[in-house]
C-alpha cells in the first residue's frame, strides 16, 4: 500500500509557474514508476508526464512538452511536477499515481495502482 498526497496547486496567471509535489508514504516509493495526470471539468483524465523509478527516463504528453518537468527525490519519497508557461487550458485537477515495474514511452499512461486525492490548478487568462 502506498499513500500519495499532492500539494502546490493554486491560481496563477497565464505565463506563470507552479510546482506540484507528491509526497508518498508506505511501501518503498523508490521501487515505483510515477505519473502525473490531470482532469479538466467534463473531460477524461489524461496523462501529463511520467518518470521511471530511478528518475533516469521521463515521458511527456505533447501538450506539455517543453513546459513541464517531472522529477523525483527518492530520499525524500517525493516527486515533483514543475509547470512553466502555464496556459488556461492547463486548468485541471492534477493527480499523482504510482505503478510497479518499469514504464516506457508506449505505456506510461497506464497501469497505475495507487492515486493521490488531487490538487486544483487554475490558470487565468
N, C-alpha and C. Protein backbone atom coordinates (compact mmCIF):
# COMPACT_ATOMS: atom_id res chain seq x y z
N UNK A 1 0.84 -1.19 0.00
CA UNK A 1 0.00 0.00 0.00
C UNK A 1 0.88 1.25 0.00
N UNK A 2 0.53 2.19 -0.85
CA UNK A 2 1.24 3.48 -0.93
C UNK A 2 0.21 4.59 -0.80
N UNK A 3 0.48 5.54 0.04
CA UNK A 3 -0.37 6.72 0.17
C UNK A 3 0.33 7.90 -0.49
N UNK A 4 -0.43 8.63 -1.28
CA UNK A 4 0.11 9.76 -2.04
C UNK A 4 -0.68 11.02 -1.70
N UNK A 5 0.04 12.11 -1.49
CA UNK A 5 -0.62 13.38 -1.19
C UNK A 5 0.00 14.47 -2.08
N UNK A 6 -0.82 15.06 -2.91
CA UNK A 6 -0.37 16.16 -3.77
C UNK A 6 -0.51 17.49 -3.05
N UNK A 7 0.34 18.42 -3.43
CA UNK A 7 0.25 19.79 -2.91
C UNK A 7 0.86 20.73 -3.94
N UNK A 8 0.62 22.01 -3.75
CA UNK A 8 1.24 23.01 -4.61
C UNK A 8 0.33 23.61 -5.66
N UNK A 9 -0.90 23.12 -5.74
CA UNK A 9 -1.82 23.70 -6.69
C UNK A 9 -2.26 25.09 -6.27
N UNK A 10 -2.95 25.77 -7.16
CA UNK A 10 -3.43 27.11 -6.85
C UNK A 10 -3.86 27.85 -8.09
N UNK A 11 -4.02 29.15 -7.92
CA UNK A 11 -4.44 30.03 -9.01
C UNK A 11 -3.23 30.81 -9.50
N UNK A 12 -3.02 30.82 -10.80
CA UNK A 12 -1.89 31.53 -11.38
C UNK A 12 -2.32 32.14 -12.70
N UNK A 13 -1.68 33.23 -13.05
CA UNK A 13 -1.99 33.86 -14.34
C UNK A 13 -1.29 33.11 -15.48
N UNK A 14 -1.85 33.24 -16.65
CA UNK A 14 -1.23 32.64 -17.83
C UNK A 14 0.21 33.14 -17.96
N UNK A 15 1.09 32.21 -18.29
CA UNK A 15 2.51 32.53 -18.38
C UNK A 15 3.27 32.28 -17.10
N UNK A 16 2.55 32.05 -16.02
CA UNK A 16 3.18 31.83 -14.73
C UNK A 16 3.62 30.39 -14.53
N UNK A 17 4.10 30.12 -13.32
CA UNK A 17 4.63 28.80 -12.99
C UNK A 17 4.07 28.30 -11.66
N UNK A 18 4.02 27.00 -11.54
CA UNK A 18 3.69 26.33 -10.29
C UNK A 18 4.53 25.07 -10.20
N UNK A 19 4.80 24.65 -8.98
CA UNK A 19 5.46 23.36 -8.77
C UNK A 19 4.58 22.50 -7.88
N UNK A 20 4.16 21.38 -8.41
CA UNK A 20 3.38 20.42 -7.65
C UNK A 20 4.31 19.42 -6.99
N UNK A 21 3.92 18.99 -5.81
CA UNK A 21 4.65 17.96 -5.10
C UNK A 21 3.74 16.78 -4.85
N UNK A 22 4.33 15.61 -4.79
CA UNK A 22 3.59 14.38 -4.48
C UNK A 22 4.40 13.64 -3.41
N UNK A 23 3.91 13.66 -2.19
CA UNK A 23 4.59 13.02 -1.08
C UNK A 23 4.03 11.62 -0.89
N UNK A 24 4.91 10.65 -0.80
CA UNK A 24 4.50 9.26 -0.69
C UNK A 24 4.86 8.68 0.67
N UNK A 25 4.03 7.80 1.14
CA UNK A 25 4.32 7.05 2.37
C UNK A 25 3.86 5.62 2.15
N UNK A 26 4.36 4.72 2.97
CA UNK A 26 4.01 3.32 2.82
C UNK A 26 5.16 2.54 2.22
N UNK A 27 4.85 1.64 1.32
CA UNK A 27 5.88 0.80 0.75
C UNK A 27 6.87 1.62 -0.07
N UNK A 28 8.03 1.06 -0.30
CA UNK A 28 9.16 1.77 -0.87
C UNK A 28 8.81 2.52 -2.15
N UNK A 29 8.74 3.82 -2.03
CA UNK A 29 8.40 4.67 -3.17
C UNK A 29 9.40 4.53 -4.29
N UNK A 30 10.65 4.32 -3.93
CA UNK A 30 11.70 4.29 -4.94
C UNK A 30 11.60 3.12 -5.89
N UNK A 31 10.76 2.15 -5.60
CA UNK A 31 10.62 0.99 -6.49
C UNK A 31 9.51 1.18 -7.51
N UNK A 32 8.78 2.30 -7.42
CA UNK A 32 7.64 2.53 -8.29
C UNK A 32 7.94 3.57 -9.36
N UNK A 33 7.42 3.34 -10.55
CA UNK A 33 7.34 4.41 -11.53
C UNK A 33 6.21 5.34 -11.11
N UNK A 34 6.32 6.56 -11.53
CA UNK A 34 5.37 7.56 -11.05
C UNK A 34 4.85 8.41 -12.19
N UNK A 35 3.56 8.70 -12.16
CA UNK A 35 2.97 9.50 -13.22
C UNK A 35 2.17 10.67 -12.67
N UNK A 36 2.06 11.69 -13.49
CA UNK A 36 1.17 12.81 -13.21
C UNK A 36 0.05 12.82 -14.25
N UNK A 37 -1.15 13.03 -13.78
CA UNK A 37 -2.34 13.07 -14.62
C UNK A 37 -3.12 14.34 -14.33
N UNK A 38 -4.03 14.67 -15.21
CA UNK A 38 -4.91 15.80 -14.96
C UNK A 38 -6.28 15.52 -15.55
N UNK A 39 -7.28 16.15 -14.92
CA UNK A 39 -8.65 16.02 -15.39
C UNK A 39 -9.32 17.36 -15.31
N UNK A 40 -9.72 17.86 -16.47
CA UNK A 40 -10.45 19.12 -16.55
C UNK A 40 -11.96 18.83 -16.46
N UNK A 41 -12.77 19.79 -16.07
CA UNK A 41 -14.21 19.57 -15.96
C UNK A 41 -14.81 19.06 -17.27
N UNK A 42 -15.54 17.97 -17.16
CA UNK A 42 -16.21 17.43 -18.33
C UNK A 42 -15.33 16.64 -19.27
N UNK A 43 -14.08 16.44 -18.87
CA UNK A 43 -13.15 15.72 -19.74
C UNK A 43 -12.60 14.49 -19.03
N UNK A 44 -12.01 13.62 -19.81
CA UNK A 44 -11.39 12.42 -19.24
C UNK A 44 -10.06 12.78 -18.58
N UNK A 45 -9.64 11.91 -17.70
CA UNK A 45 -8.34 12.09 -17.07
C UNK A 45 -7.25 11.68 -18.06
N UNK A 46 -6.28 12.53 -18.24
CA UNK A 46 -5.20 12.29 -19.20
C UNK A 46 -3.85 12.28 -18.50
N UNK A 47 -2.94 11.51 -19.03
CA UNK A 47 -1.58 11.51 -18.50
C UNK A 47 -0.87 12.78 -18.95
N UNK A 48 -0.08 13.32 -18.05
CA UNK A 48 0.70 14.53 -18.33
C UNK A 48 2.17 14.18 -18.48
N UNK A 49 2.68 13.40 -17.53
CA UNK A 49 4.11 13.06 -17.52
C UNK A 49 4.32 11.82 -16.67
N UNK A 50 5.45 11.19 -16.87
CA UNK A 50 5.80 10.02 -16.05
C UNK A 50 7.31 9.96 -15.91
N UNK A 51 7.74 9.25 -14.87
CA UNK A 51 9.17 9.13 -14.59
C UNK A 51 9.44 7.73 -14.06
N UNK A 52 10.53 7.14 -14.48
CA UNK A 52 10.88 5.81 -14.02
C UNK A 52 11.33 5.84 -12.56
N UNK A 53 11.43 4.68 -11.96
CA UNK A 53 11.76 4.61 -10.54
C UNK A 53 13.11 5.27 -10.26
N UNK A 54 14.03 5.15 -11.19
CA UNK A 54 15.36 5.71 -11.00
C UNK A 54 15.43 7.19 -11.29
N UNK A 55 14.43 7.68 -12.02
CA UNK A 55 14.45 9.07 -12.43
C UNK A 55 15.22 9.33 -13.71
N UNK A 56 15.77 8.28 -14.29
CA UNK A 56 16.60 8.45 -15.49
C UNK A 56 15.76 8.80 -16.71
N UNK A 57 14.61 8.15 -16.84
CA UNK A 57 13.77 8.37 -18.03
C UNK A 57 12.49 9.09 -17.66
N UNK A 58 12.12 10.05 -18.50
CA UNK A 58 10.89 10.80 -18.33
C UNK A 58 10.10 10.83 -19.63
N UNK A 59 8.80 11.00 -19.51
CA UNK A 59 7.91 10.99 -20.67
C UNK A 59 6.88 12.09 -20.47
N UNK A 60 6.49 12.71 -21.59
CA UNK A 60 5.56 13.84 -21.51
C UNK A 60 4.51 13.77 -22.60
N UNK A 61 3.32 14.22 -22.26
CA UNK A 61 2.31 14.43 -23.28
C UNK A 61 2.75 15.58 -24.18
N UNK A 62 2.35 15.52 -25.43
CA UNK A 62 2.76 16.56 -26.38
C UNK A 62 2.30 17.94 -25.93
N UNK A 63 1.18 18.00 -25.25
CA UNK A 63 0.61 19.30 -24.86
C UNK A 63 1.44 20.03 -23.81
N UNK A 64 2.32 19.31 -23.11
CA UNK A 64 3.11 19.94 -22.05
C UNK A 64 4.60 19.86 -22.31
N UNK A 65 5.00 19.20 -23.35
CA UNK A 65 6.41 19.01 -23.63
C UNK A 65 7.10 20.36 -23.80
N UNK A 66 8.23 20.50 -23.13
CA UNK A 66 8.96 21.76 -23.18
C UNK A 66 8.53 22.77 -22.14
N UNK A 67 7.40 22.54 -21.49
CA UNK A 67 6.90 23.46 -20.46
C UNK A 67 6.91 22.83 -19.07
N UNK A 68 6.64 21.54 -19.00
CA UNK A 68 6.57 20.83 -17.72
C UNK A 68 7.80 19.94 -17.56
N UNK A 69 8.21 19.76 -16.32
CA UNK A 69 9.33 18.88 -15.99
C UNK A 69 8.97 18.03 -14.79
N UNK A 70 9.08 16.73 -14.94
CA UNK A 70 8.83 15.80 -13.85
C UNK A 70 10.16 15.37 -13.26
N UNK A 71 10.20 15.26 -11.95
CA UNK A 71 11.41 14.83 -11.26
C UNK A 71 11.02 14.11 -9.98
N UNK A 72 11.99 13.50 -9.33
CA UNK A 72 11.70 12.82 -8.07
C UNK A 72 12.94 12.83 -7.20
N UNK A 73 12.71 12.78 -5.90
CA UNK A 73 13.76 12.66 -4.91
C UNK A 73 13.41 11.45 -4.05
N UNK A 74 14.00 10.31 -4.36
CA UNK A 74 13.63 9.09 -3.65
C UNK A 74 14.02 9.13 -2.18
N UNK A 75 15.04 9.89 -1.86
CA UNK A 75 15.45 10.02 -0.46
C UNK A 75 14.37 10.72 0.36
N UNK A 76 13.58 11.56 -0.29
CA UNK A 76 12.51 12.29 0.38
C UNK A 76 11.14 11.70 0.08
N UNK A 77 11.10 10.61 -0.67
CA UNK A 77 9.82 9.99 -1.05
C UNK A 77 8.87 11.01 -1.68
N UNK A 78 9.41 11.84 -2.53
CA UNK A 78 8.62 12.91 -3.11
C UNK A 78 8.93 13.04 -4.60
N UNK A 79 7.89 13.32 -5.35
CA UNK A 79 8.02 13.61 -6.78
C UNK A 79 7.48 15.02 -7.03
N UNK A 80 7.91 15.58 -8.14
CA UNK A 80 7.56 16.97 -8.44
C UNK A 80 7.10 17.10 -9.89
N UNK A 81 6.30 18.11 -10.12
CA UNK A 81 5.95 18.50 -11.47
C UNK A 81 6.11 20.01 -11.55
N UNK A 82 7.18 20.44 -12.20
CA UNK A 82 7.42 21.86 -12.42
C UNK A 82 6.67 22.28 -13.67
N UNK A 83 5.79 23.25 -13.53
CA UNK A 83 4.95 23.68 -14.65
C UNK A 83 5.25 25.15 -14.95
N UNK A 84 5.78 25.38 -16.12
CA UNK A 84 6.13 26.73 -16.56
C UNK A 84 5.27 27.13 -17.76
N UNK A 85 5.24 28.40 -18.04
CA UNK A 85 4.49 28.93 -19.20
C UNK A 85 3.07 28.38 -19.21
N UNK A 86 2.43 28.44 -18.08
CA UNK A 86 1.09 27.87 -17.95
C UNK A 86 0.08 28.58 -18.83
N UNK A 87 -0.87 27.80 -19.32
CA UNK A 87 -1.91 28.29 -20.20
C UNK A 87 -3.27 28.01 -19.55
N UNK A 88 -4.29 28.76 -19.93
CA UNK A 88 -5.63 28.49 -19.37
C UNK A 88 -6.08 27.03 -19.59
N UNK A 89 -5.67 26.44 -20.69
CA UNK A 89 -6.06 25.06 -20.96
C UNK A 89 -5.35 24.04 -20.06
N UNK A 90 -4.41 24.49 -19.25
CA UNK A 90 -3.79 23.62 -18.26
C UNK A 90 -4.65 23.51 -16.99
N UNK A 91 -5.69 24.29 -16.91
CA UNK A 91 -6.57 24.25 -15.74
C UNK A 91 -7.19 22.87 -15.59
N UNK A 92 -7.01 22.27 -14.42
CA UNK A 92 -7.50 20.92 -14.17
C UNK A 92 -7.17 20.53 -12.72
N UNK A 93 -7.72 19.41 -12.31
CA UNK A 93 -7.25 18.76 -11.09
C UNK A 93 -6.10 17.85 -11.48
N UNK A 94 -4.98 18.00 -10.78
CA UNK A 94 -3.79 17.21 -11.09
C UNK A 94 -3.62 16.11 -10.04
N UNK A 95 -3.33 14.92 -10.54
CA UNK A 95 -3.16 13.75 -9.68
C UNK A 95 -1.78 13.13 -9.90
N UNK A 96 -1.20 12.61 -8.83
CA UNK A 96 -0.04 11.76 -8.99
C UNK A 96 -0.46 10.31 -8.73
N UNK A 97 0.28 9.40 -9.30
CA UNK A 97 -0.03 7.99 -9.17
C UNK A 97 1.26 7.19 -9.34
N UNK A 98 1.25 5.97 -8.82
CA UNK A 98 2.42 5.12 -8.94
C UNK A 98 2.02 3.75 -9.47
N UNK A 99 2.99 3.11 -10.11
CA UNK A 99 2.80 1.76 -10.61
C UNK A 99 4.09 0.99 -10.41
N UNK A 100 3.98 -0.28 -10.25
CA UNK A 100 5.16 -1.12 -10.08
C UNK A 100 5.74 -1.46 -11.45
N UNK A 101 6.99 -1.87 -11.43
CA UNK A 101 7.64 -2.24 -12.67
C UNK A 101 8.14 -1.02 -13.44
N UNK A 102 8.66 -1.28 -14.60
CA UNK A 102 9.20 -0.22 -15.43
C UNK A 102 8.08 0.48 -16.19
N UNK A 103 8.41 1.59 -16.77
CA UNK A 103 7.46 2.33 -17.59
C UNK A 103 8.20 2.76 -18.84
N UNK A 104 7.51 2.74 -19.97
CA UNK A 104 8.13 3.09 -21.23
C UNK A 104 7.27 4.13 -21.94
N UNK A 105 7.78 4.59 -23.06
CA UNK A 105 7.05 5.57 -23.86
C UNK A 105 5.68 5.02 -24.27
N UNK A 106 5.60 3.70 -24.48
CA UNK A 106 4.38 3.10 -25.02
C UNK A 106 3.31 2.85 -23.97
N UNK A 107 3.68 2.85 -22.70
CA UNK A 107 2.69 2.50 -21.68
C UNK A 107 2.70 3.42 -20.47
N UNK A 108 3.30 4.61 -20.59
CA UNK A 108 3.45 5.44 -19.40
C UNK A 108 2.14 6.03 -18.91
N UNK A 109 1.08 5.86 -19.67
CA UNK A 109 -0.21 6.37 -19.24
C UNK A 109 -1.12 5.34 -18.61
N UNK A 110 -0.61 4.13 -18.40
CA UNK A 110 -1.47 3.03 -17.98
C UNK A 110 -0.90 2.26 -16.79
N UNK A 111 -1.79 1.53 -16.12
CA UNK A 111 -1.34 0.56 -15.13
C UNK A 111 -1.04 1.10 -13.75
N UNK A 112 -1.50 2.30 -13.43
CA UNK A 112 -1.21 2.89 -12.13
C UNK A 112 -2.16 2.36 -11.08
N UNK A 113 -1.57 2.01 -9.95
CA UNK A 113 -2.36 1.32 -8.92
C UNK A 113 -2.79 2.23 -7.78
N UNK A 114 -1.92 3.11 -7.35
CA UNK A 114 -2.22 3.99 -6.22
C UNK A 114 -2.27 5.43 -6.70
N UNK A 115 -3.25 6.16 -6.19
CA UNK A 115 -3.51 7.52 -6.63
C UNK A 115 -3.62 8.47 -5.44
N UNK A 116 -3.22 9.71 -5.67
CA UNK A 116 -3.45 10.75 -4.69
C UNK A 116 -4.85 11.31 -4.84
N UNK A 117 -5.18 12.28 -4.01
CA UNK A 117 -6.53 12.84 -3.99
C UNK A 117 -6.69 14.00 -4.97
N UNK A 118 -5.60 14.50 -5.49
CA UNK A 118 -5.65 15.57 -6.48
C UNK A 118 -5.45 16.95 -5.88
N UNK A 119 -4.96 17.86 -6.71
CA UNK A 119 -4.81 19.25 -6.33
C UNK A 119 -5.24 20.12 -7.52
N UNK A 120 -5.99 21.16 -7.23
CA UNK A 120 -6.55 22.00 -8.28
C UNK A 120 -5.52 23.00 -8.78
N UNK A 121 -5.40 23.09 -10.08
CA UNK A 121 -4.59 24.12 -10.74
C UNK A 121 -5.51 24.93 -11.63
N UNK A 122 -5.54 26.23 -11.42
CA UNK A 122 -6.36 27.11 -12.21
C UNK A 122 -5.48 28.19 -12.82
N UNK A 123 -5.54 28.31 -14.14
CA UNK A 123 -4.74 29.30 -14.85
C UNK A 123 -5.69 30.32 -15.47
N UNK A 124 -5.55 31.56 -15.05
CA UNK A 124 -6.43 32.61 -15.55
C UNK A 124 -5.80 33.28 -16.77
N UNK A 125 -6.65 33.75 -17.65
CA UNK A 125 -6.16 34.40 -18.89
C UNK A 125 -5.98 35.88 -18.69
